[in-house]
Amino acid sequence: MPDSPDITQLLQDWSHGDSAALERLLPLVYDELHRQAARYLRKERQGHTLQTTALIHEAYLKLMGQTQVEWQNREHFFAIAATAMRRILVDHARERHREKRGGQAENLAIEAALQIASPEKSVDFIALDEALDRLAKLSTRQARVVELRYFSGLSNDETAEVLGVSTATVRNDWNIARAWLKQELTK
């Protein structure tokens, strides 16, 4: 991946209305978006019908529609991309659930979800999303840490940079959020 400053500059140019910057940005971020999407889909149940490329393209379309975002840096971009992918997967799970007319929701092992419980326990992806929404009401920062660490795959240091907090704060929030989610998802 090219240096972050190149991406950061393109993001800032895009924020200020330079549509050509968006066209130059895609080739620079595509591989990382692909890795993010693949990470997401590996955590999904086997036989998931949404393909990596489709998830990338849907997320990219959502990102292109972000006209009010003042992009800070590559971490900020990939954090918003992770949130977009999470929303797409939740919408996909809800649609599949509706199609089944009362069938089981799509399941995701808690172990795969946050490595916080034993593999034989499972939770549906919709429940995970709802639990993250409840966590956000208690601690927005802890919910953002989960999104950035788990869904975006950012390191503690990168997450700290995006949130403007210390790495120790990110580690503490991550541990607390994982414990809270484990409790919520095993009820």
C-alpha atoms as a PDB file:
ATOM      1  CA  MET A   1       0.000   0.000   0.000  1.00  0.00           C
ATOM      2  CA  PRO A   2       1.327   3.462  -0.825  1.00  0.00           C
ATOM      3  CA  ASP A   3       2.359   5.835   1.919  1.00  0.00           C
ATOM      4  CA  SER A   4      -0.498   7.038   4.085  1.00  0.00           C
ATOM      5  CA  PRO A   5       0.222  10.715   3.279  1.00  0.00           C
ATOM      6  CA  ASP A   6      -0.617  10.085  -0.410  1.00  0.00           C
ATOM      7  CA  ILE A   7      -3.949   8.573   0.578  1.00  0.00           C
ATOM      8  CA  THR A   8      -4.518  11.225   3.216  1.00  0.00           C
ATOM      9  CA  GLN A   9      -3.911  13.999   0.701  1.00  0.00           C
ATOM     10  CA  LEU A  10      -6.295  12.421  -1.811  1.00  0.00           C
ATOM     11  CA  LEU A  11      -8.948  12.035   0.900  1.00  0.00           C
ATOM     12  CA  GLN A  12      -8.583  15.660   1.892  1.00  0.00           C
ATOM     13  CA  ASP A  13      -8.728  16.770  -1.744  1.00  0.00           C
ATOM     14  CA  TRP A  14     -11.886  14.689  -2.171  1.00  0.00           C
ATOM     15  CA  SER A  15     -13.371  16.291   0.969  1.00  0.00           C
ATOM     16  CA  HIS A  16     -12.826  19.672  -0.652  1.00  0.00           C
ATOM     17  CA  GLY A  17     -14.692  18.750  -3.833  1.00  0.00           C
ATOM     18  CA  ASP A  18     -11.965  17.318  -6.078  1.00  0.00           C
ATOM     19  CA  SER A  19     -13.799  14.441  -7.778  1.00  0.00           C
ATOM     20  CA  ALA A  20     -10.644  13.422  -9.677  1.00  0.00           C
ATOM     21  CA  ALA A  21      -9.042  12.633  -6.301  1.00  0.00           C
ATOM     22  CA  LEU A  22     -11.705   9.979  -5.741  1.00  0.00           C
ATOM     23  CA  GLU A  23     -10.797   8.314  -9.050  1.00  0.00           C
ATOM     24  CA  ARG A  24      -7.103   8.275  -8.099  1.00  0.00           C
ATOM     25  CA  LEU A  25      -7.952   6.992  -4.622  1.00  0.00           C
ATOM     26  CA  LEU A  26      -9.701   3.737  -5.590  1.00  0.00           C
ATOM     27  CA  PRO A  27      -6.629   1.918  -6.963  1.00  0.00           C
ATOM     28  CA  LEU A  28      -4.684   2.906  -3.840  1.00  0.00           C
ATOM     29  CA  VAL A  29      -7.252   1.604  -1.337  1.00  0.00           C
ATOM     30  CA  TYR A  30      -8.790  -1.304  -3.238  1.00  0.00           C
ATOM     31  CA  ASP A  31      -6.443  -4.004  -1.878  1.00  0.00           C
ATOM     32  CA  GLU A  32      -6.999  -2.911   1.721  1.00  0.00           C
ATOM     33  CA  LEU A  33     -10.775  -2.776   1.164  1.00  0.00           C
ATOM     34  CA  HIS A  34     -10.541  -6.288  -0.242  1.00  0.00           C
ATOM     35  CA  ARG A  35      -8.642  -7.486   2.852  1.00  0.00           C
ATOM     36  CA  GLN A  36     -11.255  -5.848   5.093  1.00  0.00           C
ATOM     37  CA  ALA A  37     -14.138  -7.453   3.207  1.00  0.00           C
ATOM     38  CA  ALA A  38     -12.428 -10.848   3.206  1.00  0.00           C
ATOM     39  CA  ARG A  39     -11.849 -10.542   6.972  1.00  0.00           C
ATOM     40  CA  TYR A  40     -15.527  -9.767   7.473  1.00  0.00           C
ATOM     41  CA  LEU A  41     -16.708 -12.643   5.336  1.00  0.00           C
ATOM     42  CA  ARG A  42     -14.334 -15.144   6.992  1.00  0.00           C
ATOM     43  CA  LYS A  43     -16.183 -14.377  10.204  1.00  0.00           C
ATOM     44  CA  GLU A  44     -19.541 -15.102   8.593  1.00  0.00           C
ATOM     45  CA  ARG A  45     -21.211 -18.504   8.508  1.00  0.00           C
ATOM     46  CA  GLN A  46     -20.134 -20.922   5.790  1.00  0.00           C
ATOM     47  CA  GLY A  47     -22.119 -20.627   2.591  1.00  0.00           C
ATOM     48  CA  HIS A  48     -22.730 -16.898   3.012  1.00  0.00           C
ATOM     49  CA  THR A  49     -24.185 -15.659  -0.264  1.00  0.00           C
ATOM     50  CA  LEU A  50     -22.488 -12.252  -0.369  1.00  0.00           C
ATOM     51  CA  GLN A  51     -19.131 -12.367  -2.166  1.00  0.00           C
ATOM     52  CA  THR A  52     -16.067 -10.308  -1.233  1.00  0.00           C
ATOM     53  CA  THR A  53     -16.104  -8.260  -4.435  1.00  0.00           C
ATOM     54  CA  ALA A  54     -19.814  -7.470  -4.049  1.00  0.00           C
ATOM     55  CA  LEU A  55     -19.244  -6.338  -0.453  1.00  0.00           C
ATOM     56  CA  ILE A  56     -16.347  -4.099  -1.545  1.00  0.00           C
ATOM     57  CA  HIS A  57     -18.369  -2.532  -4.322  1.00  0.00           C
ATOM     58  CA  GLU A  58     -21.428  -1.912  -2.132  1.00  0.00           C
ATOM     59  CA  ALA A  59     -19.236  -0.366   0.559  1.00  0.00           C
ATOM     60  CA  TYR A  60     -17.390   1.754  -1.985  1.00  0.00           C
ATOM     61  CA  LEU A  61     -20.695   3.052  -3.371  1.00  0.00           C
ATOM     62  CA  LYS A  62     -21.687   4.038   0.161  1.00  0.00           C
ATOM     63  CA  LEU A  63     -18.335   5.746   0.697  1.00  0.00           C
ATOM     64  CA  MET A  64     -18.652   7.667  -2.581  1.00  0.00           C
ATOM     65  CA  GLY A  65     -21.965   9.011  -1.313  1.00  0.00           C
ATOM     66  CA  GLN A  66     -20.287  10.486   1.762  1.00  0.00           C
ATOM     67  CA  THR A  67     -20.315  14.145   0.810  1.00  0.00           C
ATOM     68  CA  GLN A  68     -20.373  15.600   4.317  1.00  0.00           C
ATOM     69  CA  VAL A  69     -17.307  13.750   5.646  1.00  0.00           C
ATOM     70  CA  GLU A  70     -14.121  15.696   6.294  1.00  0.00           C
ATOM     71  CA  TRP A  71     -11.665  12.831   5.771  1.00  0.00           C
ATOM     72  CA  GLN A  72      -8.784  12.962   8.261  1.00  0.00           C
ATOM     73  CA  ASN A  73      -6.475  10.146   7.131  1.00  0.00           C
ATOM     74  CA  ARG A  74      -6.380   6.572   5.821  1.00  0.00           C
ATOM     75  CA  GLU A  75      -7.370   5.118   9.223  1.00  0.00           C
ATOM     76  CA  HIS A  76     -10.453   7.344   9.287  1.00  0.00           C
ATOM     77  CA  PHE A  77     -11.371   6.211   5.760  1.00  0.00           C
ATOM     78  CA  PHE A  78     -10.969   2.514   6.570  1.00  0.00           C
ATOM     79  CA  ALA A  79     -12.888   2.915   9.837  1.00  0.00           C
ATOM     80  CA  ILE A  80     -15.840   4.363   7.935  1.00  0.00           C
ATOM     81  CA  ALA A  81     -15.434   1.624   5.317  1.00  0.00           C
ATOM     82  CA  ALA A  82     -15.629  -0.980   8.108  1.00  0.00           C
ATOM     83  CA  THR A  83     -18.816   0.575   9.437  1.00  0.00           C
ATOM     84  CA  ALA A  84     -20.300   0.574   5.923  1.00  0.00           C
ATOM     85  CA  MET A  85     -19.414  -3.106   5.483  1.00  0.00           C
ATOM     86  CA  ARG A  86     -20.903  -3.957   8.869  1.00  0.00           C
ATOM     87  CA  ARG A  87     -24.158  -2.219   7.898  1.00  0.00           C
ATOM     88  CA  ILE A  88     -24.263  -3.997   4.531  1.00  0.00           C
ATOM     89  CA  LEU A  89     -23.788  -7.399   6.203  1.00  0.00           C
ATOM     90  CA  VAL A  90     -26.458  -6.647   8.792  1.00  0.00           C
ATOM     91  CA  ASP A  91     -28.875  -5.521   6.063  1.00  0.00           C
ATOM     92  CA  HIS A  92     -28.039  -8.679   4.108  1.00  0.00           C
ATOM     93  CA  ALA A  93     -28.677 -10.841   7.191  1.00  0.00           C
ATOM     94  CA  ARG A  94     -31.995  -9.105   7.843  1.00  0.00           C
ATOM     95  CA  GLU A  95     -33.064  -9.573   4.221  1.00  0.00           C
ATOM     96  CA  ARG A  96     -32.179 -13.273   4.319  1.00  0.00           C
ATOM     97  CA  HIS A  97     -34.084 -13.605   7.596  1.00  0.00           C
ATOM     98  CA  ARG A  98     -37.148 -11.950   6.041  1.00  0.00           C
ATOM     99  CA  GLU A  99     -36.923 -14.227   3.017  1.00  0.00           C
ATOM    100  CA  LYS A 100     -36.993 -17.253   5.265  1.00  0.00           C
ATOM    101  CA  ARG A 101     -40.219 -15.946   6.872  1.00  0.00           C
ATOM    102  CA  GLY A 102     -39.399 -16.660  10.440  1.00  0.00           C
ATOM    103  CA  GLY A 103     -36.437 -18.932   9.781  1.00  0.00           C
ATOM    104  CA  GLN A 104     -33.292 -18.811  11.833  1.00  0.00           C
ATOM    105  CA  ALA A 105     -31.195 -15.699  11.613  1.00  0.00           C
ATOM    106  CA  GLU A 106     -27.733 -16.071  10.158  1.00  0.00           C
ATOM    107  CA  ASN A 107     -25.360 -17.320  12.823  1.00  0.00           C
ATOM    108  CA  LEU A 108     -21.850 -16.248  13.560  1.00  0.00           C
ATOM    109  CA  ALA A 109     -19.788 -18.010  16.183  1.00  0.00           C
ATOM    110  CA  ILE A 110     -19.080 -15.743  19.125  1.00  0.00           C
ATOM    111  CA  GLU A 111     -15.503 -17.021  19.044  1.00  0.00           C
ATOM    112  CA  ALA A 112     -15.235 -15.748  15.495  1.00  0.00           C
ATOM    113  CA  ALA A 113     -17.135 -12.597  16.359  1.00  0.00           C
ATOM    114  CA  LEU A 114     -14.838 -11.352  19.080  1.00  0.00           C
ATOM    115  CA  GLN A 115     -12.888 -14.339  20.356  1.00  0.00           C
ATOM    116  CA  ILE A 116     -14.717 -13.923  23.628  1.00  0.00           C
ATOM    117  CA  ALA A 117     -16.566 -17.212  24.093  1.00  0.00           C
ATOM    118  CA  SER A 118     -16.300 -20.873  23.302  1.00  0.00           C
ATOM    119  CA  PRO A 119     -16.755 -21.929  19.654  1.00  0.00           C
ATOM    120  CA  GLU A 120     -19.835 -24.042  20.332  1.00  0.00           C
ATOM    121  CA  LYS A 121     -21.806 -20.962  21.356  1.00  0.00           C
ATOM    122  CA  SER A 122     -23.209 -18.877  18.527  1.00  0.00           C
ATOM    123  CA  VAL A 123     -25.035 -15.632  18.006  1.00  0.00           C
ATOM    124  CA  ASP A 124     -26.676 -14.222  14.952  1.00  0.00           C
ATOM    125  CA  PHE A 125     -25.040 -11.296  13.208  1.00  0.00           C
ATOM    126  CA  ILE A 126     -28.096  -9.143  13.822  1.00  0.00           C
ATOM    127  CA  ALA A 127     -27.745  -9.748  17.575  1.00  0.00           C
ATOM    128  CA  LEU A 128     -24.080  -8.746  17.406  1.00  0.00           C
ATOM    129  CA  ASP A 129     -25.000  -5.535  15.609  1.00  0.00           C
ATOM    130  CA  GLU A 130     -27.737  -4.765  18.135  1.00  0.00           C
ATOM    131  CA  ALA A 131     -25.333  -5.456  21.012  1.00  0.00           C
ATOM    132  CA  LEU A 132     -22.811  -3.026  19.490  1.00  0.00           C
ATOM    133  CA  ASP A 133     -25.562  -0.424  19.187  1.00  0.00           C
ATOM    134  CA  ARG A 134     -26.420  -0.923  22.892  1.00  0.00           C
ATOM    135  CA  LEU A 135     -22.737  -0.656  23.793  1.00  0.00           C
ATOM    136  CA  ALA A 136     -22.536   2.610  21.855  1.00  0.00           C
ATOM    137  CA  LYS A 137     -25.275   4.042  24.095  1.00  0.00           C
ATOM    138  CA  LEU A 138     -23.170   3.168  27.150  1.00  0.00           C
ATOM    139  CA  SER A 139     -19.781   4.041  25.693  1.00  0.00           C
ATOM    140  CA  THR A 140     -19.447   5.418  22.196  1.00  0.00           C
ATOM    141  CA  ARG A 141     -15.680   5.146  22.390  1.00  0.00           C
ATOM    142  CA  GLN A 142     -15.729   1.452  23.370  1.00  0.00           C
ATOM    143  CA  ALA A 143     -18.090   0.687  20.486  1.00  0.00           C
ATOM    144  CA  ARG A 144     -15.797   2.586  18.108  1.00  0.00           C
ATOM    145  CA  VAL A 145     -12.801   0.643  19.445  1.00  0.00           C
ATOM    146  CA  VAL A 146     -14.598  -2.620  18.593  1.00  0.00           C
ATOM    147  CA  GLU A 147     -15.439  -1.370  15.106  1.00  0.00           C
ATOM    148  CA  LEU A 148     -11.908  -0.169  14.459  1.00  0.00           C
ATOM    149  CA  ARG A 149     -10.066  -3.125  15.985  1.00  0.00           C
ATOM    150  CA  TYR A 150     -12.343  -5.981  14.982  1.00  0.00           C
ATOM    151  CA  PHE A 151     -14.093  -4.829  11.847  1.00  0.00           C
ATOM    152  CA  SER A 152     -11.395  -2.587  10.376  1.00  0.00           C
ATOM    153  CA  GLY A 153      -8.476  -4.650  11.600  1.00  0.00           C
ATOM    154  CA  LEU A 154      -6.621  -1.591  12.864  1.00  0.00           C
ATOM    155  CA  SER A 155      -3.899  -2.046  15.457  1.00  0.00           C
ATOM    156  CA  ASN A 156      -4.117  -0.548  18.944  1.00  0.00           C
ATOM    157  CA  ASP A 157      -1.824   2.285  17.834  1.00  0.00           C
ATOM    158  CA  GLU A 158      -3.853   3.023  14.680  1.00  0.00           C
ATOM    159  CA  THR A 159      -7.097   2.922  16.664  1.00  0.00           C
ATOM    160  CA  ALA A 160      -5.632   5.299  19.240  1.00  0.00           C
ATOM    161  CA  GLU A 161      -4.628   7.697  16.451  1.00  0.00           C
ATOM    162  CA  VAL A 162      -8.101   7.666  14.889  1.00  0.00           C
ATOM    163  CA  LEU A 163      -9.812   8.234  18.246  1.00  0.00           C
ATOM    164  CA  GLY A 164      -7.245  10.693  19.587  1.00  0.00           C
ATOM    165  CA  VAL A 165      -6.603   8.691  22.763  1.00  0.00           C
ATOM    166  CA  SER A 166      -3.674   6.729  24.166  1.00  0.00           C
ATOM    167  CA  THR A 167      -2.871   3.157  23.193  1.00  0.00           C
ATOM    168  CA  ALA A 168      -3.419   2.113  26.824  1.00  0.00           C
ATOM    169  CA  THR A 169      -6.945   3.576  26.682  1.00  0.00           C
ATOM    170  CA  VAL A 170      -7.646   1.568  23.519  1.00  0.00           C
ATOM    171  CA  ARG A 171      -6.393  -1.646  25.179  1.00  0.00           C
ATOM    172  CA  ASN A 172      -8.574  -1.016  28.237  1.00  0.00           C
ATOM    173  CA  ASP A 173     -11.643  -0.147  26.151  1.00  0.00           C
ATOM    174  CA  TRP A 174     -11.095  -3.227  23.967  1.00  0.00           C
ATOM    175  CA  ASN A 175     -10.924  -5.541  27.005  1.00  0.00           C
ATOM    176  CA  ILE A 176     -13.972  -3.988  28.658  1.00  0.00           C
ATOM    177  CA  ALA A 177     -15.986  -3.995  25.420  1.00  0.00           C
ATOM    178  CA  ARG A 178     -15.148  -7.652  24.701  1.00  0.00           C
ATOM    179  CA  ALA A 179     -16.213  -8.676  28.212  1.00  0.00           C
ATOM    180  CA  TRP A 180     -19.430  -6.657  27.957  1.00  0.00           C
ATOM    181  CA  LEU A 181     -20.253  -8.136  24.538  1.00  0.00           C
ATOM    182  CA  LYS A 182     -19.568 -11.650  25.777  1.00  0.00           C
ATOM    183  CA  GLN A 183     -22.068 -11.106  28.576  1.00  0.00           C
ATOM    184  CA  GLU A 184     -24.645  -9.601  26.191  1.00  0.00           C
ATOM    185  CA  LEU A 185     -24.285 -12.261  23.529  1.00  0.00           C
ATOM    186  CA  THR A 186     -24.420 -15.230  25.906  1.00  0.00           C
ATOM    187  CA  LYS A 187     -27.632 -14.193  27.678  1.00  0.00           C
END
